[in-house]
């Protein structure tokens, strides 16, 4: 009764052109029929699924259920023939016992053949369905790989092609994504005779969505005016908030470097490390603030520090200090500060090489 009710509901939805609901109830009837071996219900369900998928031009699914329907019709016809033979056999058994034995043997042969046919068809149908799923999966994997490749190329295109050439500064940068498309981002913007801006960011998550956030941030920074670092973050925050990328956020810090000082502001980023050559000490500078896209019209704090010969500024995302080893222990921020202090006499590239070698 339940199976027949499902078929009726599926037919009603089909008449109303509600194909998804029709498919849902038709499959419920089909699966229940399979479990209880009700071939008539399976036949009704498969015939309805054939009509639905045929109308939707989903010919692979339509052909599949057409095959099932055809096979079930043959099976039911054979079963009806069995009933006729059984009745004849019963009547003949009253007249002649020897004929009954012959008919029973005949029935056994027919049943064996039918079972062999049904099992063979089921195996073929399952195998064919498996091959179709594998084909669809391969096509989908290829599509995703192409999308990831395009997103990866887009992310790399967001990074500066060359580093600033400044006679007063030694600059180096490094990035390594843990997935095909990460959310880390760095950039530099120069204002001749004024200042150099160094930007380091980390979009939430990974994949295409984080690459999109990096693109928005890059676009907002293009043609940036010589403004205080916190004003730049304020403007970027409004841009990201207005675009509204859902739960996506962008952590970012901005350092404005002048001849003898630098100012910095941060939106949800890890500390910036300042190695002071005169004292051979490292200062961990942490500015609290929400990531970009959190609240509208958010304002950010700004700090100013002196910047002298031999001093080093290290900007980075959380990927390095929070990198885990094989037993899950983090590299740690305090350890990072100590390593910067030990390698304070090295060049910018030498500092990066030391950091990466230690984390690896």
Protein backbone atom coordinates (compact mmCIF):
# COMPACT_ATOMS: atom_id res chain seq x y z
CA UNK A 1 0.00 0.00 0.00
CA UNK A 2 2.81 2.39 0.86
CA UNK A 3 4.57 1.64 -2.42
CA UNK A 4 1.38 2.27 -4.42
CA UNK A 5 0.81 5.53 -2.50
CA UNK A 6 4.31 6.71 -3.41
CA UNK A 7 3.62 5.97 -7.08
CA UNK A 8 0.34 7.92 -6.93
CA UNK A 9 2.02 10.92 -5.32
CA UNK A 10 4.86 10.77 -7.86
CA UNK A 11 2.33 10.70 -10.74
CA UNK A 12 0.48 13.70 -9.26
CA UNK A 13 3.68 15.72 -9.05
CA UNK A 14 4.56 14.67 -12.59
CA UNK A 15 1.20 16.01 -13.74
CA UNK A 16 1.96 19.26 -11.92
CA UNK A 17 5.39 19.42 -13.61
CA UNK A 18 7.11 19.29 -10.19
CA UNK A 19 9.85 17.03 -11.48
CA UNK A 20 12.12 17.02 -8.41
CA UNK A 21 9.24 15.96 -6.13
CA UNK A 22 8.05 13.41 -8.69
CA UNK A 23 11.54 11.89 -8.91
CA UNK A 24 11.79 11.83 -5.10
CA UNK A 25 8.58 9.82 -4.54
CA UNK A 26 9.15 7.62 -7.59
CA UNK A 27 12.56 6.65 -6.20
CA UNK A 28 11.04 5.96 -2.77
CA UNK A 29 8.54 3.58 -4.41
CA UNK A 30 11.27 2.05 -6.58
CA UNK A 31 13.65 1.42 -3.64
CA UNK A 32 10.85 0.02 -1.46
CA UNK A 33 9.79 -2.28 -4.31
CA UNK A 34 13.36 -3.49 -4.67
CA UNK A 35 13.57 -4.28 -0.95
CA UNK A 36 10.27 -6.20 -0.90
CA UNK A 37 10.71 -7.73 -4.40
CA UNK A 38 7.42 -6.24 -5.67
CA UNK A 39 8.13 -6.35 -9.39
CA UNK A 40 4.85 -4.66 -10.33
CA UNK A 41 5.65 -1.65 -8.14
CA UNK A 42 9.21 -1.54 -9.46
CA UNK A 43 7.81 -1.61 -12.99
CA UNK A 44 5.38 1.28 -12.30
CA UNK A 45 8.14 3.33 -10.64
CA UNK A 46 10.73 2.68 -13.35
CA UNK A 47 8.23 3.51 -16.12
CA UNK A 48 7.44 6.83 -14.40
CA UNK A 49 11.14 7.62 -13.89
CA UNK A 50 11.70 6.86 -17.58
CA UNK A 51 9.01 9.41 -18.56
CA UNK A 52 10.37 12.07 -16.16
CA UNK A 53 14.00 11.81 -17.27
CA UNK A 54 12.96 11.59 -20.92
CA UNK A 55 11.00 14.85 -20.56
CA UNK A 56 14.03 16.47 -18.87
CA UNK A 57 16.26 15.25 -21.74
CA UNK A 58 18.39 13.26 -19.28
CA UNK A 59 18.78 10.43 -21.72
CA UNK A 60 21.31 8.33 -19.74
CA UNK A 61 18.95 8.08 -16.76
CA UNK A 62 15.93 7.69 -19.07
CA UNK A 63 17.58 4.80 -20.94
CA UNK A 64 18.55 3.16 -17.67
CA UNK A 65 14.96 3.00 -16.40
CA UNK A 66 13.69 2.00 -19.86
CA UNK A 67 16.00 -1.02 -19.67
CA UNK A 68 14.77 -1.86 -16.18
CA UNK A 69 11.12 -1.56 -17.28
CA UNK A 70 11.68 -3.81 -20.28
CA UNK A 71 13.43 -6.42 -18.19
CA UNK A 72 10.69 -6.38 -15.57
CA UNK A 73 7.99 -6.78 -18.22
CA UNK A 74 9.78 -9.90 -19.46
CA UNK A 75 10.14 -11.15 -15.90
CA UNK A 76 6.46 -10.61 -15.12
CA UNK A 77 5.48 -12.33 -18.35
CA UNK A 78 7.62 -15.30 -17.37
CA UNK A 79 6.08 -15.31 -13.89
CA UNK A 80 2.56 -15.33 -15.40
CA UNK A 81 3.59 -18.21 -17.60
CA UNK A 82 4.84 -20.01 -14.51
CA UNK A 83 1.42 -19.61 -12.90
CA UNK A 84 -0.28 -21.05 -15.97
CA UNK A 85 2.11 -23.97 -16.02
CA UNK A 86 1.58 -24.60 -12.30
CA UNK A 87 -2.19 -24.67 -12.82
CA UNK A 88 -1.89 -27.07 -15.71
CA UNK A 89 0.50 -29.20 -13.73
CA UNK A 90 -1.90 -29.32 -10.81
CA UNK A 91 -4.74 -30.51 -13.09
CA UNK A 92 -2.51 -33.04 -14.79
CA UNK A 93 -1.34 -34.41 -11.43
CA UNK A 94 -4.88 -35.60 -10.78
CA UNK A 95 -4.84 -37.62 -13.99
CA UNK A 96 -1.31 -38.78 -14.36
CA UNK A 97 1.49 -38.73 -11.78
CA UNK A 98 4.21 -39.34 -14.30
CA UNK A 99 3.27 -36.20 -16.28
CA UNK A 100 3.40 -34.17 -13.10
CA UNK A 101 7.00 -35.18 -12.50
CA UNK A 102 7.95 -34.17 -16.04
CA UNK A 103 6.24 -30.79 -15.70
CA UNK A 104 8.00 -30.15 -12.37
CA UNK A 105 11.33 -30.83 -13.98
CA UNK A 106 10.47 -28.47 -16.79
CA UNK A 107 9.52 -25.79 -14.27
CA UNK A 108 12.83 -26.18 -12.47
CA UNK A 109 14.70 -25.66 -15.70
CA UNK A 110 12.69 -22.56 -16.55
CA UNK A 111 13.14 -21.12 -13.07
CA UNK A 112 16.89 -21.74 -13.22
CA UNK A 113 17.08 -20.00 -16.58
CA UNK A 114 14.99 -17.06 -15.34
CA UNK A 115 17.11 -16.61 -12.24
CA UNK A 116 20.23 -16.76 -14.34
CA UNK A 117 18.77 -14.11 -16.66
CA UNK A 118 17.72 -11.83 -13.79
CA UNK A 119 21.07 -12.14 -12.01
CA UNK A 120 23.00 -11.57 -15.23
CA UNK A 121 20.91 -8.50 -16.06
CA UNK A 122 21.31 -7.11 -12.52
CA UNK A 123 25.08 -7.53 -12.65
CA UNK A 124 25.18 -5.85 -16.04
CA UNK A 125 22.96 -2.98 -14.83
CA UNK A 126 25.09 -2.44 -11.72
CA UNK A 127 28.30 -2.51 -13.73
CA UNK A 128 26.87 -0.13 -16.31
CA UNK A 129 25.74 2.26 -13.57
CA UNK A 130 29.19 2.11 -12.00
CA UNK A 131 30.87 2.92 -15.30
CA UNK A 132 28.51 5.85 -15.86
CA UNK A 133 29.25 7.22 -12.38
CA UNK A 134 32.99 6.85 -12.97
CA UNK A 135 32.68 8.72 -16.25
CA UNK A 136 30.70 11.54 -14.63
CA UNK A 137 33.20 11.69 -11.75
CA UNK A 138 36.12 11.89 -14.17
CA UNK A 139 34.47 14.75 -16.08
CA UNK A 140 33.71 16.57 -12.82
CA UNK A 141 37.26 16.11 -11.52
CA UNK A 142 38.66 17.46 -14.77
CA UNK A 143 36.37 20.50 -14.55
CA UNK A 144 37.37 21.18 -10.92
CA UNK A 145 41.05 20.83 -11.73
CA UNK A 146 40.71 23.35 -14.55
CA UNK A 147 38.91 25.77 -12.23
CA UNK A 148 41.57 25.34 -9.53
CA UNK A 149 44.33 25.87 -12.08
CA UNK A 150 42.67 29.06 -13.31
CA UNK A 151 42.19 30.25 -9.71
CA UNK A 152 45.82 29.46 -8.89
CA UNK A 153 47.03 31.43 -11.89
CA UNK A 154 44.77 34.30 -10.88
CA UNK A 155 46.16 34.29 -7.34
CA UNK A 156 49.76 34.32 -8.58
CA UNK A 157 48.92 37.18 -10.93
CA UNK A 158 47.85 39.21 -7.88
CA UNK A 159 51.40 39.11 -6.47
CA UNK A 160 53.98 41.71 -7.55
CA UNK A 161 56.06 40.64 -10.55
CA UNK A 162 59.17 42.43 -9.22
CA UNK A 163 60.11 43.72 -5.78
CA UNK A 164 60.71 47.45 -5.21
CA UNK A 165 64.24 48.63 -5.97
CA UNK A 166 65.18 51.05 -3.23
CA UNK A 167 68.79 51.91 -2.48
CA UNK A 168 67.94 52.44 1.21
CA UNK A 169 66.09 49.17 1.71
CA UNK A 170 66.79 45.45 1.29
CA UNK A 171 63.48 43.74 0.43
CA UNK A 172 62.55 40.07 0.01
CA UNK A 173 59.27 38.14 -0.06
CA UNK A 174 58.14 34.52 0.01
CA UNK A 175 54.86 32.60 -0.32
CA UNK A 176 53.98 28.89 -0.29
CA UNK A 177 50.36 27.75 -0.40
CA UNK A 178 49.33 24.59 1.46
CA UNK A 179 46.58 24.00 -1.14
CA UNK A 180 46.17 24.76 -4.86
CA UNK A 181 44.71 28.17 -4.03
CA UNK A 182 45.49 29.81 -0.70
CA UNK A 183 44.43 33.09 0.84
CA UNK A 184 47.84 34.63 1.54
CA UNK A 185 48.76 37.84 -0.24
CA UNK A 186 51.54 40.42 -0.21
CA UNK A 187 52.18 43.58 -2.20
CA UNK A 188 54.20 46.80 -2.35
CA UNK A 189 53.21 50.32 -3.39
CA UNK A 190 55.68 53.15 -3.84
CA UNK A 191 55.16 56.89 -3.67
CA UNK A 192 58.31 58.52 -4.97
CA UNK A 193 59.82 60.93 -2.50
CA UNK A 194 57.17 60.02 0.07
CA UNK A 195 56.98 56.43 1.32
CA UNK A 196 56.90 52.75 0.50
CA UNK A 197 53.86 50.72 1.53
CA UNK A 198 54.30 47.04 2.37
CA UNK A 199 51.09 44.98 2.57
CA UNK A 200 50.62 41.45 3.94
CA UNK A 201 47.23 39.68 4.10
CA UNK A 202 45.44 36.41 4.64
CA UNK A 203 41.92 35.70 3.36
CA UNK A 204 39.74 33.31 5.35
CA UNK A 205 39.72 29.73 4.08
CA UNK A 206 41.26 28.35 0.91
CA UNK A 207 40.26 27.73 -2.67
CA UNK A 208 38.44 29.88 -5.19
CA UNK A 209 36.57 31.91 -2.54
CA UNK A 210 39.76 33.10 -0.84
CA UNK A 211 41.26 33.90 -4.25
CA UNK A 212 38.22 36.09 -4.91
CA UNK A 213 38.83 38.01 -1.66
CA UNK A 214 42.48 38.56 -2.61
CA UNK A 215 41.34 39.93 -5.99
CA UNK A 216 38.96 42.40 -4.30
CA UNK A 217 41.73 43.55 -1.94
CA UNK A 218 44.20 43.97 -4.80
CA UNK A 219 41.70 46.01 -6.79
CA UNK A 220 41.04 48.26 -3.78
CA UNK A 221 44.77 48.93 -3.33
CA UNK A 222 45.49 49.82 -6.95
CA UNK A 223 46.29 53.51 -7.29
CA UNK A 224 46.35 53.93 -3.53
CA UNK A 225 47.03 57.46 -2.27
CA UNK A 226 49.80 58.33 0.17
CA UNK A 227 47.54 58.01 3.20
CA UNK A 228 48.18 56.84 6.77
CA UNK A 229 48.15 53.04 7.12
CA UNK A 230 44.99 52.98 9.26
CA UNK A 231 43.12 55.20 6.77
CA UNK A 232 43.98 52.76 3.99
CA UNK A 233 42.54 49.89 6.06
CA UNK A 234 39.43 51.96 6.80
CA UNK A 235 38.81 52.54 3.08
CA UNK A 236 39.50 48.90 2.19
CA UNK A 237 37.16 47.68 4.92
CA UNK A 238 34.29 49.72 3.46
CA UNK A 239 35.00 48.37 -0.02
CA UNK A 240 34.98 44.74 1.15
CA UNK A 241 31.90 45.32 3.31
CA UNK A 242 29.97 46.91 0.42
CA UNK A 243 30.80 44.05 -1.94
CA UNK A 244 29.44 41.64 0.71
CA UNK A 245 31.13 38.28 0.16
CA UNK A 246 29.15 36.58 2.91
CA UNK A 247 31.31 35.13 5.68
CA UNK A 248 34.56 35.78 3.79
CA UNK A 249 36.97 38.12 5.57
CA UNK A 250 40.42 39.54 4.81
CA UNK A 251 43.07 39.97 7.49
CA UNK A 252 45.60 42.60 6.44
CA UNK A 253 48.37 44.76 7.83
CA UNK A 254 49.93 47.80 6.19
CA UNK A 255 53.38 49.22 6.93
CA UNK A 256 54.34 52.65 5.63
CA UNK A 257 58.14 52.96 5.57
CA UNK A 258 59.78 56.40 5.52
CA UNK A 259 63.41 57.40 5.84
CA UNK A 260 63.75 57.17 9.60
CA UNK A 261 60.45 55.76 10.80
CA UNK A 262 57.62 53.44 9.90
CA UNK A 263 53.95 53.44 10.82
CA UNK A 264 51.80 50.36 10.88
CA UNK A 265 48.17 49.34 11.23
CA UNK A 266 46.56 45.91 11.30
CA UNK A 267 43.19 44.27 10.69
CA UNK A 268 43.18 40.86 12.38
CA UNK A 269 46.75 39.87 11.45
CA UNK A 270 49.52 38.21 13.52
CA UNK A 271 52.20 40.42 15.10
CA UNK A 272 54.74 42.35 13.07
CA UNK A 273 58.33 41.78 14.23
CA UNK A 274 60.76 44.68 14.46
CA UNK A 275 64.43 43.76 14.92
CA UNK A 276 66.30 46.73 16.40
CA UNK A 277 69.94 46.54 15.34
CA UNK A 278 71.18 48.96 18.03
CA UNK A 279 70.01 46.69 20.85
CA UNK A 280 70.02 43.37 18.98
CA UNK A 281 66.48 42.77 20.28
CA UNK A 282 63.17 41.91 18.61
CA UNK A 283 59.95 43.75 19.42
CA UNK A 284 56.70 41.87 18.77
CA UNK A 285 54.14 44.49 17.70
CA UNK A 286 50.54 43.26 17.89
CA UNK A 287 47.70 45.60 16.93
CA UNK A 288 44.23 44.24 17.57
CA UNK A 289 41.47 44.84 15.04
CA UNK A 290 38.72 43.08 13.14
CA UNK A 291 39.45 41.60 9.69
CA UNK A 292 38.25 43.58 6.67
CA UNK A 293 34.57 43.06 5.89
CA UNK A 294 33.55 42.59 9.54
CA UNK A 295 31.84 45.85 10.56
CA UNK A 296 30.90 48.87 8.48
CA UNK A 297 32.93 52.06 8.97
CA UNK A 298 35.42 50.28 11.26
CA UNK A 299 38.40 52.35 12.46
CA UNK A 300 41.88 50.89 13.04
CA UNK A 301 44.70 51.79 15.40
CA UNK A 302 48.05 53.04 14.13
CA UNK A 303 51.55 52.91 15.67
CA UNK A 304 54.76 54.71 14.70
CA UNK A 305 58.28 53.40 15.34
CA UNK A 306 61.75 54.69 14.53
CA UNK A 307 63.53 52.84 11.73
CA UNK A 308 67.33 52.94 11.63
CA UNK A 309 70.19 51.36 9.75
CA UNK A 310 70.28 47.58 10.21
CA UNK A 311 66.72 47.35 11.51
CA UNK A 312 64.44 44.65 10.08
CA UNK A 313 60.65 44.50 9.70
CA UNK A 314 59.08 41.05 9.30
CA UNK A 315 55.45 40.80 8.14
CA UNK A 316 53.84 37.39 7.82
CA UNK A 317 50.58 35.43 7.95
CA UNK A 318 49.79 32.82 10.60
CA UNK A 319 50.82 29.99 8.27
CA UNK A 320 54.44 30.04 9.46
CA UNK A 321 54.19 30.42 13.28
CA UNK A 322 51.16 28.10 13.46
CA UNK A 323 52.65 25.38 11.21
CA UNK A 324 52.28 22.01 13.03
CA UNK A 325 54.84 19.23 13.17
CA UNK A 326 54.01 15.53 12.84
CA UNK A 327 52.65 15.33 16.39
CA UNK A 328 50.54 18.51 16.08
CA UNK A 329 52.81 20.96 17.95
CA UNK A 330 52.84 24.53 16.58
CA UNK A 331 56.08 26.23 15.59
CA UNK A 332 54.98 29.10 17.91
CA UNK A 333 55.31 32.89 17.84
CA UNK A 334 57.86 33.14 20.65
CA UNK A 335 60.18 30.73 18.86
CA UNK A 336 59.76 32.79 15.69
CA UNK A 337 60.82 35.99 17.49
CA UNK A 338 63.91 34.26 18.87
CA UNK A 339 64.88 33.04 15.39
CA UNK A 340 64.54 36.55 13.94
CA UNK A 341 66.75 37.88 16.73
CA UNK A 342 69.42 35.23 16.09
CA UNK A 343 69.48 35.98 12.34
CA UNK A 344 69.29 39.78 12.68
CA UNK A 345 72.61 40.30 10.91
CA UNK A 346 71.47 38.54 7.71
CA UNK A 347 70.06 40.05 4.53
CA UNK A 348 66.31 40.09 3.84
CA UNK A 349 66.57 36.95 1.70
CA UNK A 350 68.87 35.34 4.26
CA UNK A 351 66.27 35.97 6.95
CA UNK A 352 63.55 34.31 4.83
CA UNK A 353 65.80 31.32 4.06
CA UNK A 354 66.50 30.85 7.78
CA UNK A 355 62.81 31.04 8.71
CA UNK A 356 61.69 28.56 6.05
CA UNK A 357 64.51 26.12 6.79
CA UNK A 358 63.67 26.17 10.51
CA UNK A 359 59.93 25.59 9.95
CA UNK A 360 60.57 22.83 7.40
